[in-house]
Amino acid sequence: MRAVITVVGKDMVGILAGVSGVCAREGVNVLEVTQSILQEFFAMIMLVDISKLEMPLTALQAKLAEANPGMTIHVMHEDIFNSMHRI
């Protein structure tokens, strides 16, 4: 099972480390990452393997937000993401 994590907010040191650290502690494997800095704003999309995650995605999202204050973070199961983006 996979999920998509999006992170958006004002750029600062440690965002990638904060997000990937929570993922590692919770058994979430990062498969792909794309990130960009647009002037002072940071944007990142991660595709992650959640097959070893032992909590609901909403709890993972809450932990990610707590570890990265000031960032807008969403976690969405791949099936829902794909359904929302079908034409």
PDB file of N, CA and C in Angstrom:
ATOM      1  N   MET A   1       0.842  -1.177   0.000  1.00  0.00           N
ATOM      2  CA  MET A   1       0.000   0.000   0.000  1.00  0.00           C
ATOM      3  C   MET A   1       0.884   1.236   0.000  1.00  0.00           C
ATOM      4  N   ARG A   2       0.406   2.231  -0.723  1.00  0.00           N
ATOM      5  CA  ARG A   2       1.176   3.475  -0.810  1.00  0.00           C
ATOM      6  C   ARG A   2       0.277   4.662  -0.482  1.00  0.00           C
ATOM      7  N   ALA A   3       0.938   5.773  -0.146  1.00  0.00           N
ATOM      8  CA  ALA A   3       0.240   7.018   0.145  1.00  0.00           C
ATOM      9  C   ALA A   3       1.044   8.172  -0.425  1.00  0.00           C
ATOM     10  N   VAL A   4       0.376   9.306  -0.541  1.00  0.00           N
ATOM     11  CA  VAL A   4       1.000  10.537  -1.014  1.00  0.00           C
ATOM     12  C   VAL A   4       1.000  11.527   0.150  1.00  0.00           C
ATOM     13  N   ILE A   5       2.173  12.095   0.431  1.00  0.00           N
ATOM     14  CA  ILE A   5       2.313  13.123   1.465  1.00  0.00           C
ATOM     15  C   ILE A   5       2.673  14.425   0.770  1.00  0.00           C
ATOM     16  N   THR A   6       1.926  15.486   1.043  1.00  0.00           N
ATOM     17  CA  THR A   6       2.269  16.802   0.508  1.00  0.00           C
ATOM     18  C   THR A   6       2.606  17.727   1.667  1.00  0.00           C
ATOM     19  N   VAL A   7       3.611  18.565   1.441  1.00  0.00           N
ATOM     20  CA  VAL A   7       4.084  19.506   2.459  1.00  0.00           C
ATOM     21  C   VAL A   7       4.276  20.859   1.779  1.00  0.00           C
ATOM     22  N   VAL A   8       3.648  21.897   2.330  1.00  0.00           N
ATOM     23  CA  VAL A   8       3.763  23.243   1.771  1.00  0.00           C
ATOM     24  C   VAL A   8       3.890  24.239   2.923  1.00  0.00           C
ATOM     25  N   GLY A   9       4.767  25.209   2.746  1.00  0.00           N
ATOM     26  CA  GLY A   9       4.897  26.242   3.760  1.00  0.00           C
ATOM     27  C   GLY A   9       6.115  27.106   3.514  1.00  0.00           C
ATOM     28  N   LYS A  10       6.386  27.971   4.458  1.00  0.00           N
ATOM     29  CA  LYS A  10       7.538  28.860   4.355  1.00  0.00           C
ATOM     30  C   LYS A  10       8.811  28.027   4.508  1.00  0.00           C
ATOM     31  N   ASP A  11       9.782  28.262   3.641  1.00  0.00           N
ATOM     32  CA  ASP A  11      11.017  27.485   3.654  1.00  0.00           C
ATOM     33  C   ASP A  11      11.798  27.729   4.938  1.00  0.00           C
ATOM     34  N   MET A  12      12.345  26.644   5.489  1.00  0.00           N
ATOM     35  CA  MET A  12      13.205  26.725   6.667  1.00  0.00           C
ATOM     36  C   MET A  12      14.086  25.487   6.700  1.00  0.00           C
ATOM     37  N   VAL A  13      15.100  25.514   7.482  1.00  0.00           N
ATOM     38  CA  VAL A  13      16.023  24.391   7.615  1.00  0.00           C
ATOM     39  C   VAL A  13      15.318  23.216   8.294  1.00  0.00           C
ATOM     40  N   GLY A  14      15.502  22.008   7.767  1.00  0.00           N
ATOM     41  CA  GLY A  14      15.067  20.797   8.448  1.00  0.00           C
ATOM     42  C   GLY A  14      13.718  20.235   8.075  1.00  0.00           C
ATOM     43  N   ILE A  15      13.056  20.788   7.074  1.00  0.00           N
ATOM     44  CA  ILE A  15      11.729  20.285   6.726  1.00  0.00           C
ATOM     45  C   ILE A  15      11.809  18.829   6.258  1.00  0.00           C
ATOM     46  N   LEU A  16      12.664  18.559   5.299  1.00  0.00           N
ATOM     47  CA  LEU A  16      12.795  17.193   4.778  1.00  0.00           C
ATOM     48  C   LEU A  16      13.199  16.227   5.889  1.00  0.00           C
ATOM     49  N   ALA A  17      14.123  16.643   6.748  1.00  0.00           N
ATOM     50  CA  ALA A  17      14.555  15.795   7.867  1.00  0.00           C
ATOM     51  C   ALA A  17      13.400  15.545   8.837  1.00  0.00           C
ATOM     52  N   GLY A  18      12.605  16.561   9.103  1.00  0.00           N
ATOM     53  CA  GLY A  18      11.472  16.411  10.013  1.00  0.00           C
ATOM     54  C   GLY A  18      10.434  15.436   9.496  1.00  0.00           C
ATOM     55  N   VAL A  19      10.109  15.554   8.220  1.00  0.00           N
ATOM     56  CA  VAL A  19       9.104  14.674   7.624  1.00  0.00           C
ATOM     57  C   VAL A  19       9.647  13.251   7.492  1.00  0.00           C
ATOM     58  N   SER A  20      10.834  13.105   6.946  1.00  0.00           N
ATOM     59  CA  SER A  20      11.380  11.761   6.748  1.00  0.00           C
ATOM     60  C   SER A  20      11.695  11.080   8.082  1.00  0.00           C
ATOM     61  N   GLY A  21      12.045  11.846   9.104  1.00  0.00           N
ATOM     62  CA  GLY A  21      12.299  11.275  10.428  1.00  0.00           C
ATOM     63  C   GLY A  21      11.055  10.647  11.031  1.00  0.00           C
ATOM     64  N   VAL A  22       9.931  11.346  10.938  1.00  0.00           N
ATOM     65  CA  VAL A  22       8.661  10.792  11.428  1.00  0.00           C
ATOM     66  C   VAL A  22       8.314   9.545  10.626  1.00  0.00           C
ATOM     67  N   CYS A  23       8.468   9.613   9.322  1.00  0.00           N
ATOM     68  CA  CYS A  23       8.170   8.450   8.481  1.00  0.00           C
ATOM     69  C   CYS A  23       9.012   7.249   8.904  1.00  0.00           C
ATOM     70  N   ALA A  24      10.294   7.443   9.110  1.00  0.00           N
ATOM     71  CA  ALA A  24      11.184   6.347   9.492  1.00  0.00           C
ATOM     72  C   ALA A  24      10.773   5.737  10.833  1.00  0.00           C
ATOM     73  N   ARG A  25      10.457   6.577  11.799  1.00  0.00           N
ATOM     74  CA  ARG A  25      10.057   6.084  13.123  1.00  0.00           C
ATOM     75  C   ARG A  25       8.769   5.282  13.074  1.00  0.00           C
ATOM     76  N   GLU A  26       7.895   5.602  12.127  1.00  0.00           N
ATOM     77  CA  GLU A  26       6.593   4.930  12.045  1.00  0.00           C
ATOM     78  C   GLU A  26       6.572   3.798  11.020  1.00  0.00           C
ATOM     79  N   GLY A  27       7.724   3.433  10.458  1.00  0.00           N
ATOM     80  CA  GLY A  27       7.798   2.319   9.518  1.00  0.00           C
ATOM     81  C   GLY A  27       7.343   2.654   8.115  1.00  0.00           C
ATOM     82  N   VAL A  28       7.312   3.943   7.788  1.00  0.00           N
ATOM     83  CA  VAL A  28       6.889   4.398   6.457  1.00  0.00           C
ATOM     84  C   VAL A  28       8.140   4.576   5.599  1.00  0.00           C
ATOM     85  N   ASN A  29       8.197   3.881   4.471  1.00  0.00           N
ATOM     86  CA  ASN A  29       9.355   3.943   3.587  1.00  0.00           C
ATOM     87  C   ASN A  29       9.121   4.974   2.484  1.00  0.00           C
ATOM     88  N   VAL A  30      10.032   5.908   2.336  1.00  0.00           N
ATOM     89  CA  VAL A  30       9.932   6.925   1.297  1.00  0.00           C
ATOM     90  C   VAL A  30      10.391   6.311  -0.031  1.00  0.00           C
ATOM     91  N   LEU A  31       9.509   6.308  -1.028  1.00  0.00           N
ATOM     92  CA  LEU A  31       9.810   5.728  -2.337  1.00  0.00           C
ATOM     93  C   LEU A  31      10.293   6.778  -3.329  1.00  0.00           C
ATOM     94  N   GLU A  32       9.615   7.917  -3.350  1.00  0.00           N
ATOM     95  CA  GLU A  32       9.976   9.008  -4.276  1.00  0.00           C
ATOM     96  C   GLU A  32       9.717  10.338  -3.600  1.00  0.00           C
ATOM     97  N   VAL A  33      10.539  11.316  -3.940  1.00  0.00           N
ATOM     98  CA  VAL A  33      10.380  12.669  -3.399  1.00  0.00           C
ATOM     99  C   VAL A  33      10.628  13.670  -4.509  1.00  0.00           C
ATOM    100  N   THR A  34       9.772  14.672  -4.574  1.00  0.00           N
ATOM    101  CA  THR A  34      10.058  15.833  -5.409  1.00  0.00           C
ATOM    102  C   THR A  34       9.811  17.059  -4.534  1.00  0.00           C
ATOM    103  N   GLN A  35      10.727  17.991  -4.596  1.00  0.00           N
ATOM    104  CA  GLN A  35      10.569  19.205  -3.799  1.00  0.00           C
ATOM    105  C   GLN A  35      11.043  20.404  -4.595  1.00  0.00           C
ATOM    106  N   SER A  36      10.511  21.537  -4.221  1.00  0.00           N
ATOM    107  CA  SER A  36      10.872  22.768  -4.905  1.00  0.00           C
ATOM    108  C   SER A  36      10.783  23.922  -3.921  1.00  0.00           C
ATOM    109  N   ILE A  37      11.634  24.902  -4.129  1.00  0.00           N
ATOM    110  CA  ILE A  37      11.560  26.133  -3.356  1.00  0.00           C
ATOM    111  C   ILE A  37      11.188  27.242  -4.328  1.00  0.00           C
ATOM    112  N   LEU A  38      10.071  27.899  -4.047  1.00  0.00           N
ATOM    113  CA  LEU A  38       9.554  28.974  -4.886  1.00  0.00           C
ATOM    114  C   LEU A  38       9.655  30.267  -4.081  1.00  0.00           C
ATOM    115  N   GLN A  39      10.701  31.026  -4.348  1.00  0.00           N
ATOM    116  CA  GLN A  39      11.055  32.195  -3.542  1.00  0.00           C
ATOM    117  C   GLN A  39      11.216  31.753  -2.099  1.00  0.00           C
ATOM    118  N   GLU A  40      10.355  32.196  -1.190  1.00  0.00           N
ATOM    119  CA  GLU A  40      10.509  31.795   0.207  1.00  0.00           C
ATOM    120  C   GLU A  40       9.611  30.622   0.606  1.00  0.00           C
ATOM    121  N   PHE A  41       8.961  29.990  -0.371  1.00  0.00           N
ATOM    122  CA  PHE A  41       8.038  28.900  -0.070  1.00  0.00           C
ATOM    123  C   PHE A  41       8.608  27.547  -0.465  1.00  0.00           C
ATOM    124  N   PHE A  42       8.312  26.547   0.355  1.00  0.00           N
ATOM    125  CA  PHE A  42       8.768  25.180   0.153  1.00  0.00           C
ATOM    126  C   PHE A  42       7.564  24.320  -0.228  1.00  0.00           C
ATOM    127  N   ALA A  43       7.735  23.447  -1.217  1.00  0.00           N
ATOM    128  CA  ALA A  43       6.679  22.512  -1.618  1.00  0.00           C
ATOM    129  C   ALA A  43       7.314  21.144  -1.860  1.00  0.00           C
ATOM    130  N   MET A  44       6.670  20.104  -1.324  1.00  0.00           N
ATOM    131  CA  MET A  44       7.209  18.753  -1.481  1.00  0.00           C
ATOM    132  C   MET A  44       6.059  17.761  -1.638  1.00  0.00           C
ATOM    133  N   ILE A  45       6.271  16.784  -2.502  1.00  0.00           N
ATOM    134  CA  ILE A  45       5.360  15.663  -2.658  1.00  0.00           C
ATOM    135  C   ILE A  45       6.180  14.395  -2.481  1.00  0.00           C
ATOM    136  N   MET A  46       5.697  13.499  -1.630  1.00  0.00           N
ATOM    137  CA  MET A  46       6.373  12.228  -1.382  1.00  0.00           C
ATOM    138  C   MET A  46       5.414  11.075  -1.690  1.00  0.00           C
ATOM    139  N   LEU A  47       5.934  10.049  -2.323  1.00  0.00           N
ATOM    140  CA  LEU A  47       5.209   8.795  -2.485  1.00  0.00           C
ATOM    141  C   LEU A  47       5.841   7.842  -1.483  1.00  0.00           C
ATOM    142  N   VAL A  48       5.034   7.274  -0.593  1.00  0.00           N
ATOM    143  CA  VAL A  48       5.561   6.446   0.482  1.00  0.00           C
ATOM    144  C   VAL A  48       4.860   5.092   0.537  1.00  0.00           C
ATOM    145  N   ASP A  49       5.588   4.098   1.033  1.00  0.00           N
ATOM    146  CA  ASP A  49       5.041   2.766   1.261  1.00  0.00           C
ATOM    147  C   ASP A  49       4.552   2.717   2.702  1.00  0.00           C
ATOM    148  N   ILE A  50       3.256   2.461   2.886  1.00  0.00           N
ATOM    149  CA  ILE A  50       2.665   2.455   4.231  1.00  0.00           C
ATOM    150  C   ILE A  50       2.289   1.046   4.688  1.00  0.00           C
ATOM    151  N   SER A  51       2.812   0.022   4.026  1.00  0.00           N
ATOM    152  CA  SER A  51       2.421  -1.350   4.363  1.00  0.00           C
ATOM    153  C   SER A  51       2.822  -1.747   5.785  1.00  0.00           C
ATOM    154  N   LYS A  52       3.815  -1.088   6.386  1.00  0.00           N
ATOM    155  CA  LYS A  52       4.237  -1.405   7.761  1.00  0.00           C
ATOM    156  C   LYS A  52       3.740  -0.377   8.780  1.00  0.00           C
ATOM    157  N   LEU A  53       2.952   0.580   8.330  1.00  0.00           N
ATOM    158  CA  LEU A  53       2.410   1.597   9.229  1.00  0.00           C
ATOM    159  C   LEU A  53       1.365   0.965  10.140  1.00  0.00           C
ATOM    160  N   GLU A  54       1.461   1.235  11.445  1.00  0.00           N
ATOM    161  CA  GLU A  54       0.547   0.628  12.412  1.00  0.00           C
ATOM    162  C   GLU A  54      -0.392   1.647  13.041  1.00  0.00           C
ATOM    163  N   MET A  55      -0.752   2.673  12.294  1.00  0.00           N
ATOM    164  CA  MET A  55      -1.689   3.688  12.777  1.00  0.00           C
ATOM    165  C   MET A  55      -2.481   4.209  11.584  1.00  0.00           C
ATOM    166  N   PRO A  56      -3.611   4.837  11.831  1.00  0.00           N
ATOM    167  CA  PRO A  56      -4.369   5.427  10.717  1.00  0.00           C
ATOM    168  C   PRO A  56      -3.578   6.564  10.061  1.00  0.00           C
ATOM    169  N   LEU A  57      -3.881   6.836   8.811  1.00  0.00           N
ATOM    170  CA  LEU A  57      -3.205   7.921   8.100  1.00  0.00           C
ATOM    171  C   LEU A  57      -3.434   9.269   8.783  1.00  0.00           C
ATOM    172  N   THR A  58      -4.606   9.436   9.397  1.00  0.00           N
ATOM    173  CA  THR A  58      -4.883  10.706  10.093  1.00  0.00           C
ATOM    174  C   THR A  58      -3.922  10.899  11.270  1.00  0.00           C
ATOM    175  N   ALA A  59      -3.562   9.815  11.959  1.00  0.00           N
ATOM    176  CA  ALA A  59      -2.614   9.906  13.071  1.00  0.00           C
ATOM    177  C   ALA A  59      -1.207  10.225  12.552  1.00  0.00           C
ATOM    178  N   LEU A  60      -0.839   9.623  11.418  1.00  0.00           N
ATOM    179  CA  LEU A  60       0.461   9.944  10.811  1.00  0.00           C
ATOM    180  C   LEU A  60       0.499  11.413  10.418  1.00  0.00           C
ATOM    181  N   GLN A  61      -0.568  11.900   9.821  1.00  0.00           N
ATOM    182  CA  GLN A  61      -0.626  13.309   9.418  1.00  0.00           C
ATOM    183  C   GLN A  61      -0.473  14.210  10.635  1.00  0.00           C
ATOM    184  N   ALA A  62      -1.112  13.868  11.742  1.00  0.00           N
ATOM    185  CA  ALA A  62      -1.008  14.668  12.964  1.00  0.00           C
ATOM    186  C   ALA A  62       0.427  14.673  13.495  1.00  0.00           C
ATOM    187  N   LYS A  63       1.094  13.525  13.466  1.00  0.00           N
ATOM    188  CA  LYS A  63       2.490  13.463  13.920  1.00  0.00           C
ATOM    189  C   LYS A  63       3.404  14.288  13.025  1.00  0.00           C
ATOM    190  N   LEU A  64       3.171  14.224  11.717  1.00  0.00           N
ATOM    191  CA  LEU A  64       3.974  15.011  10.779  1.00  0.00           C
ATOM    192  C   LEU A  64       3.778  16.500  11.023  1.00  0.00           C
ATOM    193  N   ALA A  65       2.536  16.911  11.244  1.00  0.00           N
ATOM    194  CA  ALA A  65       2.241  18.331  11.493  1.00  0.00           C
ATOM    195  C   ALA A  65       2.868  18.794  12.807  1.00  0.00           C
ATOM    196  N   GLU A  66       2.828  17.955  13.823  1.00  0.00           N
ATOM    197  CA  GLU A  66       3.408  18.305  15.121  1.00  0.00           C
ATOM    198  C   GLU A  66       4.929  18.473  15.019  1.00  0.00           C
ATOM    199  N   ALA A  67       5.560  17.643  14.206  1.00  0.00           N
ATOM    200  CA  ALA A  67       7.015  17.703  14.049  1.00  0.00           C
ATOM    201  C   ALA A  67       7.462  18.825  13.122  1.00  0.00           C
ATOM    202  N   ASN A  68       6.527  19.407  12.376  1.00  0.00           N
ATOM    203  CA  ASN A  68       6.853  20.440  11.391  1.00  0.00           C
ATOM    204  C   ASN A  68       5.887  21.613  11.525  1.00  0.00           C
ATOM    205  N   PRO A  69       5.960  22.354  12.630  1.00  0.00           N
ATOM    206  CA  PRO A  69       5.023  23.457  12.850  1.00  0.00           C
ATOM    207  C   PRO A  69       5.118  24.518  11.752  1.00  0.00           C
ATOM    208  N   GLY A  70       3.964  25.047  11.392  1.00  0.00           N
ATOM    209  CA  GLY A  70       3.918  26.080  10.368  1.00  0.00           C
ATOM    210  C   GLY A  70       3.775  25.541   8.956  1.00  0.00           C
ATOM    211  N   MET A  71       3.873  24.230   8.782  1.00  0.00           N
ATOM    212  CA  MET A  71       3.744  23.622   7.454  1.00  0.00           C
ATOM    213  C   MET A  71       2.330  23.056   7.301  1.00  0.00           C
ATOM    214  N   THR A  72       1.800  23.098   6.092  1.00  0.00           N
ATOM    215  CA  THR A  72       0.538  22.435   5.780  1.00  0.00           C
ATOM    216  C   THR A  72       0.874  21.069   5.216  1.00  0.00           C
ATOM    217  N   ILE A  73       0.427  20.025   5.907  1.00  0.00           N
ATOM    218  CA  ILE A  73       0.777  18.655   5.534  1.00  0.00           C
ATOM    219  C   ILE A  73      -0.492  17.840   5.354  1.00  0.00           C
ATOM    220  N   HIS A  74      -0.555  17.105   4.231  1.00  0.00           N
ATOM    221  CA  HIS A  74      -1.677  16.205   3.959  1.00  0.00           C
ATOM    222  C   HIS A  74      -1.124  14.823   3.643  1.00  0.00           C
ATOM    223  N   VAL A  75      -1.814  13.802   4.128  1.00  0.00           N
ATOM    224  CA  VAL A  75      -1.469  12.419   3.831  1.00  0.00           C
ATOM    225  C   VAL A  75      -2.717  11.774   3.233  1.00  0.00           C
ATOM    226  N   MET A  76      -2.561  11.173   2.058  1.00  0.00           N
ATOM    227  CA  MET A  76      -3.708  10.606   1.357  1.00  0.00           C
ATOM    228  C   MET A  76      -3.340   9.244   0.784  1.00  0.00           C
ATOM    229  N   HIS A  77      -4.204   8.258   1.016  1.00  0.00           N
ATOM    230  CA  HIS A  77      -3.983   6.931   0.442  1.00  0.00           C
ATOM    231  C   HIS A  77      -3.920   7.054  -1.078  1.00  0.00           C
ATOM    232  N   GLU A  78      -3.059   6.272  -1.699  1.00  0.00           N
ATOM    233  CA  GLU A  78      -2.858   6.331  -3.147  1.00  0.00           C
ATOM    234  C   GLU A  78      -4.164   6.138  -3.926  1.00  0.00           C
ATOM    235  N   ASP A  79      -5.027   5.238  -3.478  1.00  0.00           N
ATOM    236  CA  ASP A  79      -6.286   4.983  -4.193  1.00  0.00           C
ATOM    237  C   ASP A  79      -7.167   6.229  -4.225  1.00  0.00           C
ATOM    238  N   ILE A  80      -7.247   6.935  -3.111  1.00  0.00           N
ATOM    239  CA  ILE A  80      -8.046   8.163  -3.062  1.00  0.00           C
ATOM    240  C   ILE A  80      -7.407   9.234  -3.931  1.00  0.00           C
ATOM    241  N   PHE A  81      -6.082   9.365  -3.842  1.00  0.00           N
ATOM    242  CA  PHE A  81      -5.363  10.342  -4.669  1.00  0.00           C
ATOM    243  C   PHE A  81      -5.634  10.088  -6.146  1.00  0.00           C
ATOM    244  N   ASN A  82      -5.517   8.835  -6.583  1.00  0.00           N
ATOM    245  CA  ASN A  82      -5.756   8.497  -7.985  1.00  0.00           C
ATOM    246  C   ASN A  82      -7.191   8.763  -8.396  1.00  0.00           C
ATOM    247  N   SER A  83      -8.152   8.444  -7.540  1.00  0.00           N
ATOM    248  CA  SER A  83      -9.561   8.697  -7.853  1.00  0.00           C
ATOM    249  C   SER A  83      -9.857  10.179  -8.002  1.00  0.00           C
ATOM    250  N   MET A  84      -9.237  10.996  -7.157  1.00  0.00           N
ATOM    251  CA  MET A  84      -9.464  12.441  -7.216  1.00  0.00           C
ATOM    252  C   MET A  84      -8.854  13.078  -8.457  1.00  0.00           C
ATOM    253  N   HIS A  85      -7.831  12.450  -9.030  1.00  0.00           N
ATOM    254  CA  HIS A  85      -7.118  13.074 -10.134  1.00  0.00           C
ATOM    255  C   HIS A  85      -7.355  12.395 -11.472  1.00  0.00           C
ATOM    256  N   ARG A  86      -8.405  11.585 -11.552  1.00  0.00           N
ATOM    257  CA  ARG A  86      -8.802  10.984 -12.815  1.00  0.00           C
ATOM    258  C   ARG A  86      -9.644  11.966 -13.605  1.00  0.00           C
ATOM    259  N   ILE A  87      -9.444  11.950 -14.896  1.00  0.00           N
ATOM    260  CA  ILE A  87     -10.250  12.841 -15.752  1.00  0.00           C
ATOM    261  C   ILE A  87     -11.503  12.137 -16.178  1.00  0.00           C
TER     262      ILE A  87
END
